[in-house]
Structure formats: structure tokens, C-alpha cells
Amino acid sequence: MPKFLRILLSASAFAAFFFTASVLGRLLLPIVVHWPGSPERRQARRQRLLLLSYRSFIGYMRALRLMGYIPGADDRALPEASDGESGEDRSPVLLRMVEHLRSGHPLLVFPEASRSHERSLRRFRRGAIEAAIRAGVPIVPAFISVVPPMLMKHQAWYDVPARGGRYTVEFFPVITTAGQSLDSRVLARELRARYEQRHAQMLAERDALAAASSRKALA
């Protein structure tokens, strides 16, 4: 696919993302929140709406050939809900996450709280880990990589690779928290070390693939 066409398609994807977010936030979600029903049913409707929008956007990206998905060896569905996190032990967001988890709902959190840099990880925030420990629910660490790299921190939206990104989702061993004496700070450091090791391996694989592509182009 020509690069100029990929730039135009990327622009349409960003426009679709922000338009959908505006419609959800200002129109659809308020209707769902105030629609008659029990609090549990309203919560379920909100989750279904967000999940539908997420799947629709991913489907749109894949249809435009802007991204692909390669499941890891331990493939499973991603959690349905997402939320932010905070390192403050008594922050309202943390308390909401604990309540959400204790209610039996999944929670998807990106510990860096933003996009990664090109060749380094950002500081891990421990709020989600603390919430899981307090709620006594298992932690399922997932590592997401993309080749070629795209949408990195401080990278312009029009700086697109020559081909679509292929996303790989890998899962590390599940961490049991129920009945365990765990410190969120220590566990966050351990998880970051594991991610750093896998990230370094990913960079080596990515560099080797780029070098091979360069040699092939010069041949």
C-alpha cells in the first residue's frame, strides 16, 4: 500500500476514534446511565457498549490493513473493562478499582499509563497492582508488542511505517494474590524487571528484522 494512502487511512482512523469517543461520552453513555433498570443492569449495558465500540474500532483498523493481531501461546480474551490507576493508597480512583474488582468485573490497565517510548519503557504505576492485592484477585500480566513500531510516544500521527503493524499479545504466569502477603511496591518492581527483559528481547528481534529488510532492499 502506498505511504500517502496509509497516511490518509491513519487520519481517518484517528478521526473515527475521536468522533466515536465524543458520541459515546456526550450522547450514548448518558442515555444508557439514565435508562430504567437496576444498577447492575445499567453497569452491564455500559460495559457492552464500550466493548462494542472497542471491537468495532479494532475491526475498522484491521479492515484498513493498518494493524494485524498475532495471539500469544496462551491466547485468551482481553478483559472487557478498562480504567485508569493511581499510586495513591487512598485515592478515589484506587477505591473504585477495588470495588470494581470485588464485584467480579475484569479490569484492564496499562501500567505505563501512556504510550511507550521508542526504545524504553516508562515508569510503572502500581495502583492497579495495589487494587488487585486488596481485592484478592489474580493478576494476569500481558506483554503487547508491534512490528514495525508505530504510535510511539512523541511520534507524529502521520509518521506511519511502510506496512501495517502486527500486534502480538503474550501472557506471563498468573500472579495469585488471595491469601498472600504481597507488597505492591515490591511486586511492581518485579513485574517491571520481567517486562524490561522481554522488552529488550523484543528490541533485538525488531532490529534483526529491520536489518534483514534493509539487506533485502539493497540486494
C-alpha atoms as a PDB file:
ATOM      1  CA  MET A   1       0.000   0.000   0.000  1.00  0.00           C
ATOM      2  CA  PRO A   2       1.464   3.445  -0.927  1.00  0.00           C
ATOM      3  CA  LYS A   3       2.596   5.520   2.031  1.00  0.00           C
ATOM      4  CA  PHE A   4       0.396   8.500   1.187  1.00  0.00           C
ATOM      5  CA  LEU A   5      -2.631   6.210   1.253  1.00  0.00           C
ATOM      6  CA  ARG A   6      -1.571   4.810   4.627  1.00  0.00           C
ATOM      7  CA  ILE A   7      -1.332   8.384   5.957  1.00  0.00           C
ATOM      8  CA  LEU A   8      -4.862   9.146   4.744  1.00  0.00           C
ATOM      9  CA  LEU A   9      -6.217   5.930   6.259  1.00  0.00           C
ATOM     10  CA  SER A  10      -4.423   6.664   9.544  1.00  0.00           C
ATOM     11  CA  ALA A  11      -6.032  10.107   9.585  1.00  0.00           C
ATOM     12  CA  SER A  12      -9.454   8.518   9.085  1.00  0.00           C
ATOM     13  CA  ALA A  13      -8.759   6.097  11.954  1.00  0.00           C
ATOM     14  CA  PHE A  14      -7.878   8.970  14.303  1.00  0.00           C
ATOM     15  CA  ALA A  15     -10.980  10.876  13.186  1.00  0.00           C
ATOM     16  CA  ALA A  16     -13.161   7.809  13.772  1.00  0.00           C
ATOM     17  CA  PHE A  17     -11.632   7.301  17.220  1.00  0.00           C
ATOM     18  CA  PHE A  18     -12.229  10.864  18.413  1.00  0.00           C
ATOM     19  CA  PHE A  19     -15.680  11.092  16.818  1.00  0.00           C
ATOM     20  CA  THR A  20     -16.769   7.835  18.437  1.00  0.00           C
ATOM     21  CA  ALA A  21     -15.404   8.942  21.818  1.00  0.00           C
ATOM     22  CA  SER A  22     -17.348  12.193  21.565  1.00  0.00           C
ATOM     23  CA  VAL A  23     -20.577  10.421  20.628  1.00  0.00           C
ATOM     24  CA  LEU A  24     -20.160   7.865  23.417  1.00  0.00           C
ATOM     25  CA  GLY A  25     -19.284  10.410  26.077  1.00  0.00           C
ATOM     26  CA  ARG A  26     -21.839  13.088  25.237  1.00  0.00           C
ATOM     27  CA  LEU A  27     -24.766  11.108  23.850  1.00  0.00           C
ATOM     28  CA  LEU A  28     -24.865   7.345  24.224  1.00  0.00           C
ATOM     29  CA  LEU A  29     -23.405   6.815  27.709  1.00  0.00           C
ATOM     30  CA  PRO A  30     -25.702   9.395  29.387  1.00  0.00           C
ATOM     31  CA  ILE A  31     -28.708   7.660  27.794  1.00  0.00           C
ATOM     32  CA  VAL A  32     -27.507   4.251  28.989  1.00  0.00           C
ATOM     33  CA  VAL A  33     -26.834   5.575  32.510  1.00  0.00           C
ATOM     34  CA  HIS A  34     -30.347   7.023  32.870  1.00  0.00           C
ATOM     35  CA  TRP A  35     -32.176   4.178  31.142  1.00  0.00           C
ATOM     36  CA  PRO A  36     -34.543   2.362  33.529  1.00  0.00           C
ATOM     37  CA  GLY A  37     -33.173  -0.699  35.257  1.00  0.00           C
ATOM     38  CA  SER A  38     -31.186  -1.867  38.247  1.00  0.00           C
ATOM     39  CA  PRO A  39     -27.649  -0.521  38.847  1.00  0.00           C
ATOM     40  CA  GLU A  40     -26.285  -3.916  37.836  1.00  0.00           C
ATOM     41  CA  ARG A  41     -28.127  -3.865  34.501  1.00  0.00           C
ATOM     42  CA  ARG A  42     -27.040  -0.299  33.775  1.00  0.00           C
ATOM     43  CA  GLN A  43     -23.433  -1.265  34.517  1.00  0.00           C
ATOM     44  CA  ALA A  44     -23.730  -4.285  32.203  1.00  0.00           C
ATOM     45  CA  ARG A  45     -25.152  -2.074  29.432  1.00  0.00           C
ATOM     46  CA  ARG A  46     -22.254   0.376  29.801  1.00  0.00           C
ATOM     47  CA  GLN A  47     -19.737  -2.445  29.565  1.00  0.00           C
ATOM     48  CA  ARG A  48     -21.413  -3.913  26.478  1.00  0.00           C
ATOM     49  CA  LEU A  49     -21.453  -0.507  24.798  1.00  0.00           C
ATOM     50  CA  LEU A  50     -17.764   0.120  25.496  1.00  0.00           C
ATOM     51  CA  LEU A  51     -16.811  -3.386  24.402  1.00  0.00           C
ATOM     52  CA  LEU A  52     -18.794  -2.998  21.174  1.00  0.00           C
ATOM     53  CA  SER A  53     -17.091   0.314  20.399  1.00  0.00           C
ATOM     54  CA  TYR A  54     -13.662  -1.204  21.116  1.00  0.00           C
ATOM     55  CA  ARG A  55     -14.255  -4.215  18.887  1.00  0.00           C
ATOM     56  CA  SER A  56     -15.702  -2.032  16.135  1.00  0.00           C
ATOM     57  CA  PHE A  57     -12.667   0.253  16.121  1.00  0.00           C
ATOM     58  CA  ILE A  58     -10.224  -2.682  16.064  1.00  0.00           C
ATOM     59  CA  GLY A  59     -12.230  -4.218  13.234  1.00  0.00           C
ATOM     60  CA  TYR A  60     -12.062  -0.921  11.355  1.00  0.00           C
ATOM     61  CA  MET A  61      -8.286  -0.780  11.769  1.00  0.00           C
ATOM     62  CA  ARG A  62      -7.864  -4.354  10.579  1.00  0.00           C
ATOM     63  CA  ALA A  63     -10.169  -3.803   7.608  1.00  0.00           C
ATOM     64  CA  LEU A  64      -7.970  -0.867   6.537  1.00  0.00           C
ATOM     65  CA  ARG A  65      -4.909  -3.119   6.955  1.00  0.00           C
ATOM     66  CA  LEU A  66      -3.439  -0.680   9.451  1.00  0.00           C
ATOM     67  CA  MET A  67      -2.894  -3.415  12.013  1.00  0.00           C
ATOM     68  CA  GLY A  68      -2.975  -7.162  12.479  1.00  0.00           C
ATOM     69  CA  TYR A  69      -3.166  -9.397  15.527  1.00  0.00           C
ATOM     70  CA  ILE A  70      -0.984 -12.382  16.431  1.00  0.00           C
ATOM     71  CA  PRO A  71      -2.180 -14.185  19.575  1.00  0.00           C
ATOM     72  CA  GLY A  72       0.368 -15.432  22.060  1.00  0.00           C
ATOM     73  CA  ALA A  73       0.782 -19.043  23.067  1.00  0.00           C
ATOM     74  CA  ASP A  74      -1.687 -18.552  25.929  1.00  0.00           C
ATOM     75  CA  ASP A  75      -4.420 -16.789  23.993  1.00  0.00           C
ATOM     76  CA  ARG A  76      -7.471 -15.577  25.863  1.00  0.00           C
ATOM     77  CA  ALA A  77      -9.975 -12.771  25.537  1.00  0.00           C
ATOM     78  CA  LEU A  78      -8.866  -9.386  26.788  1.00  0.00           C
ATOM     79  CA  PRO A  79     -10.859  -8.039  29.747  1.00  0.00           C
ATOM     80  CA  GLU A  80     -13.997  -6.113  28.935  1.00  0.00           C
ATOM     81  CA  ALA A  81     -13.466  -3.033  31.048  1.00  0.00           C
ATOM     82  CA  SER A  82     -10.660  -0.547  31.440  1.00  0.00           C
ATOM     83  CA  ASP A  83      -9.877   2.147  33.903  1.00  0.00           C
ATOM     84  CA  GLY A  84      -7.040   4.387  34.992  1.00  0.00           C
ATOM     85  CA  GLU A  85      -4.945   3.868  38.079  1.00  0.00           C
ATOM     86  CA  SER A  86      -3.122   5.877  40.693  1.00  0.00           C
ATOM     87  CA  GLY A  87      -0.279   5.256  43.094  1.00  0.00           C
ATOM     88  CA  GLU A  88      -2.086   6.980  45.964  1.00  0.00           C
ATOM     89  CA  ASP A  89      -3.160   4.397  48.540  1.00  0.00           C
ATOM     90  CA  ARG A  90      -6.479   6.116  49.303  1.00  0.00           C
ATOM     91  CA  SER A  91      -7.252   7.861  46.030  1.00  0.00           C
ATOM     92  CA  PRO A  92     -10.886   7.727  44.832  1.00  0.00           C
ATOM     93  CA  VAL A  93      -9.778   6.020  41.610  1.00  0.00           C
ATOM     94  CA  LEU A  94      -7.999   3.263  43.536  1.00  0.00           C
ATOM     95  CA  LEU A  95     -11.023   2.689  45.762  1.00  0.00           C
ATOM     96  CA  ARG A  96     -13.253   2.476  42.690  1.00  0.00           C
ATOM     97  CA  MET A  97     -10.939  -0.097  41.127  1.00  0.00           C
ATOM     98  CA  VAL A  98     -11.014  -2.222  44.280  1.00  0.00           C
ATOM     99  CA  GLU A  99     -14.816  -2.072  44.358  1.00  0.00           C
ATOM    100  CA  HIS A 100     -14.966  -2.923  40.656  1.00  0.00           C
ATOM    101  CA  LEU A 101     -12.735  -5.981  41.111  1.00  0.00           C
ATOM    102  CA  ARG A 102     -14.540  -7.188  44.219  1.00  0.00           C
ATOM    103  CA  SER A 103     -17.768  -7.093  42.232  1.00  0.00           C
ATOM    104  CA  GLY A 104     -16.302  -9.748  39.935  1.00  0.00           C
ATOM    105  CA  HIS A 105     -15.571  -7.497  36.961  1.00  0.00           C
ATOM    106  CA  PRO A 106     -12.295  -7.636  34.981  1.00  0.00           C
ATOM    107  CA  LEU A 107     -10.046  -4.591  34.753  1.00  0.00           C
ATOM    108  CA  LEU A 108      -7.560  -3.789  32.002  1.00  0.00           C
ATOM    109  CA  VAL A 109      -4.813  -1.309  32.931  1.00  0.00           C
ATOM    110  CA  PHE A 110      -1.670  -0.193  31.121  1.00  0.00           C
ATOM    111  CA  PRO A 111       0.908   0.266  33.915  1.00  0.00           C
ATOM    112  CA  GLU A 112       2.842   2.919  31.988  1.00  0.00           C
ATOM    113  CA  ALA A 113      -0.381   4.998  31.785  1.00  0.00           C
ATOM    114  CA  SER A 114       0.659   6.224  28.331  1.00  0.00           C
ATOM    115  CA  ARG A 115       2.330   5.145  25.110  1.00  0.00           C
ATOM    116  CA  SER A 116       5.837   3.732  25.368  1.00  0.00           C
ATOM    117  CA  HIS A 117       8.947   5.480  24.138  1.00  0.00           C
ATOM    118  CA  GLU A 118      10.726   4.123  21.076  1.00  0.00           C
ATOM    119  CA  ARG A 119      13.328   2.050  22.908  1.00  0.00           C
ATOM    120  CA  SER A 120      12.451   2.253  26.586  1.00  0.00           C
ATOM    121  CA  LEU A 121       9.582   1.673  28.975  1.00  0.00           C
ATOM    122  CA  ARG A 122       8.038   4.389  31.078  1.00  0.00           C
ATOM    123  CA  ARG A 123       7.742   4.240  34.854  1.00  0.00           C
ATOM    124  CA  PHE A 124       5.282   1.596  36.033  1.00  0.00           C
ATOM    125  CA  ARG A 125       2.468   2.819  38.260  1.00  0.00           C
ATOM    126  CA  ARG A 126       1.410   0.436  40.994  1.00  0.00           C
ATOM    127  CA  GLY A 127      -2.229   1.447  41.547  1.00  0.00           C
ATOM    128  CA  ALA A 128      -3.689  -1.493  39.636  1.00  0.00           C
ATOM    129  CA  ILE A 129      -1.414  -3.925  41.485  1.00  0.00           C
ATOM    130  CA  GLU A 130      -2.469  -2.456  44.825  1.00  0.00           C
ATOM    131  CA  ALA A 131      -6.133  -2.736  43.803  1.00  0.00           C
ATOM    132  CA  ALA A 132      -5.719  -6.405  42.833  1.00  0.00           C
ATOM    133  CA  ILE A 133      -3.981  -7.198  46.130  1.00  0.00           C
ATOM    134  CA  ARG A 134      -6.719  -5.506  48.172  1.00  0.00           C
ATOM    135  CA  ALA A 135      -9.463  -7.216  46.189  1.00  0.00           C
ATOM    136  CA  GLY A 136      -7.725 -10.601  46.369  1.00  0.00           C
ATOM    137  CA  VAL A 137      -7.993 -11.226  42.630  1.00  0.00           C
ATOM    138  CA  PRO A 138      -5.340 -12.721  40.316  1.00  0.00           C
ATOM    139  CA  ILE A 139      -3.095 -10.517  38.185  1.00  0.00           C
ATOM    140  CA  VAL A 140      -2.666 -11.565  34.548  1.00  0.00           C
ATOM    141  CA  PRO A 141       0.373  -9.689  33.134  1.00  0.00           C
ATOM    142  CA  ALA A 142       0.257  -9.222  29.349  1.00  0.00           C
ATOM    143  CA  PHE A 143       3.030  -8.011  27.057  1.00  0.00           C
ATOM    144  CA  ILE A 144       1.948  -6.295  23.828  1.00  0.00           C
ATOM    145  CA  SER A 145       4.433  -5.749  21.021  1.00  0.00           C
ATOM    146  CA  VAL A 146       4.067  -4.413  17.483  1.00  0.00           C
ATOM    147  CA  VAL A 147       6.246  -4.802  14.392  1.00  0.00           C
ATOM    148  CA  PRO A 148       7.051  -2.415  12.811  1.00  0.00           C
ATOM    149  CA  PRO A 149       6.886   0.110  15.685  1.00  0.00           C
ATOM    150  CA  MET A 150       4.127   2.693  15.457  1.00  0.00           C
ATOM    151  CA  LEU A 151       2.237   5.269  17.551  1.00  0.00           C
ATOM    152  CA  MET A 152       5.121   5.653  19.989  1.00  0.00           C
ATOM    153  CA  LYS A 153       5.381   8.497  22.488  1.00  0.00           C
ATOM    154  CA  HIS A 154       6.054  11.840  20.747  1.00  0.00           C
ATOM    155  CA  GLN A 155       5.692  10.208  17.320  1.00  0.00           C
ATOM    156  CA  ALA A 156       3.545  12.226  14.900  1.00  0.00           C
ATOM    157  CA  TRP A 157       0.352  10.536  13.705  1.00  0.00           C
ATOM    158  CA  TYR A 158       1.415  10.932  10.058  1.00  0.00           C
ATOM    159  CA  ASP A 159       4.768   9.198  10.677  1.00  0.00           C
ATOM    160  CA  VAL A 160       3.493   5.821   9.529  1.00  0.00           C
ATOM    161  CA  PRO A 161       5.548   2.699   8.751  1.00  0.00           C
ATOM    162  CA  ALA A 162       5.794   1.255   5.275  1.00  0.00           C
ATOM    163  CA  ARG A 163       3.427  -1.567   6.197  1.00  0.00           C
ATOM    164  CA  GLY A 164       0.758  -2.290   8.768  1.00  0.00           C
ATOM    165  CA  GLY A 165       1.724  -3.184  12.308  1.00  0.00           C
ATOM    166  CA  ARG A 166       1.413  -6.763  13.557  1.00  0.00           C
ATOM    167  CA  TYR A 167       0.454  -6.881  17.213  1.00  0.00           C
ATOM    168  CA  THR A 168       1.449  -9.808  19.409  1.00  0.00           C
ATOM    169  CA  VAL A 169      -0.117 -10.374  22.831  1.00  0.00           C
ATOM    170  CA  GLU A 170       1.770 -12.636  25.248  1.00  0.00           C
ATOM    171  CA  PHE A 171       0.747 -13.581  28.765  1.00  0.00           C
ATOM    172  CA  PHE A 172       3.123 -14.086  31.674  1.00  0.00           C
ATOM    173  CA  PRO A 173       2.289 -16.508  34.504  1.00  0.00           C
ATOM    174  CA  VAL A 174      -0.747 -15.504  36.540  1.00  0.00           C
ATOM    175  CA  ILE A 175       0.011 -13.970  39.944  1.00  0.00           C
ATOM    176  CA  THR A 176      -2.248 -15.150  42.765  1.00  0.00           C
ATOM    177  CA  THR A 177      -2.989 -12.510  45.402  1.00  0.00           C
ATOM    178  CA  ALA A 178      -5.701 -14.135  47.534  1.00  0.00           C
ATOM    179  CA  GLY A 179      -4.300 -15.261  50.876  1.00  0.00           C
ATOM    180  CA  GLN A 180      -0.848 -13.912  50.019  1.00  0.00           C
ATOM    181  CA  SER A 181       1.193 -11.293  51.869  1.00  0.00           C
ATOM    182  CA  LEU A 182       2.253  -9.051  48.994  1.00  0.00           C
ATOM    183  CA  ASP A 183       3.671  -5.540  48.779  1.00  0.00           C
ATOM    184  CA  SER A 184       2.531  -3.643  45.697  1.00  0.00           C
ATOM    185  CA  ARG A 185       5.829  -1.733  45.512  1.00  0.00           C
ATOM    186  CA  VAL A 186       7.917  -4.900  45.507  1.00  0.00           C
ATOM    187  CA  LEU A 187       5.610  -6.643  43.060  1.00  0.00           C
ATOM    188  CA  ALA A 188       5.651  -3.621  40.729  1.00  0.00           C
ATOM    189  CA  ARG A 189       9.462  -3.701  40.674  1.00  0.00           C
ATOM    190  CA  GLU A 190       9.476  -7.432  39.958  1.00  0.00           C
ATOM    191  CA  LEU A 191       6.971  -7.057  37.135  1.00  0.00           C
ATOM    192  CA  ARG A 192       8.891  -4.164  35.637  1.00  0.00           C
ATOM    193  CA  ALA A 193      12.086  -6.235  35.647  1.00  0.00           C
ATOM    194  CA  ARG A 194      10.237  -9.012  33.812  1.00  0.00           C
ATOM    195  CA  TYR A 195       8.867  -6.548  31.284  1.00  0.00           C
ATOM    196  CA  GLU A 196      12.279  -4.937  30.824  1.00  0.00           C
ATOM    197  CA  GLN A 197      13.781  -8.325  29.976  1.00  0.00           C
ATOM    198  CA  ARG A 198      11.044  -9.125  27.459  1.00  0.00           C
ATOM    199  CA  HIS A 199      11.227  -5.599  26.031  1.00  0.00           C
ATOM    200  CA  ALA A 200      14.977  -5.938  25.420  1.00  0.00           C
ATOM    201  CA  GLN A 201      14.341  -9.231  23.626  1.00  0.00           C
ATOM    202  CA  MET A 202      11.645  -7.577  21.518  1.00  0.00           C
ATOM    203  CA  LEU A 203      14.032  -4.755  20.525  1.00  0.00           C
ATOM    204  CA  ALA A 204      16.673  -7.283  19.454  1.00  0.00           C
ATOM    205  CA  GLU A 205      14.110  -9.154  17.344  1.00  0.00           C
ATOM    206  CA  ARG A 206      12.845  -5.906  15.843  1.00  0.00           C
ATOM    207  CA  ASP A 207      16.375  -4.713  14.985  1.00  0.00           C
ATOM    208  CA  ALA A 208      17.238  -8.049  13.371  1.00  0.00           C
ATOM    209  CA  LEU A 209      14.094  -7.895  11.246  1.00  0.00           C
ATOM    210  CA  ALA A 210      14.847  -4.291  10.193  1.00  0.00           C
ATOM    211  CA  ALA A 211      18.414  -5.250   9.238  1.00  0.00           C
ATOM    212  CA  ALA A 212      17.186  -8.189   7.193  1.00  0.00           C
ATOM    213  CA  SER A 213      14.683  -5.967   5.395  1.00  0.00           C
ATOM    214  CA  SER A 214      17.439  -3.440   4.595  1.00  0.00           C
ATOM    215  CA  ARG A 215      19.685  -6.144   3.167  1.00  0.00           C
ATOM    216  CA  LYS A 216      16.826  -7.469   1.082  1.00  0.00           C
ATOM    217  CA  ALA A 217      16.076  -3.967  -0.268  1.00  0.00           C
ATOM    218  CA  LEU A 218      19.747  -3.480  -1.271  1.00  0.00           C
ATOM    219  CA  ALA A 219      20.041  -6.877  -2.915  1.00  0.00           C
END
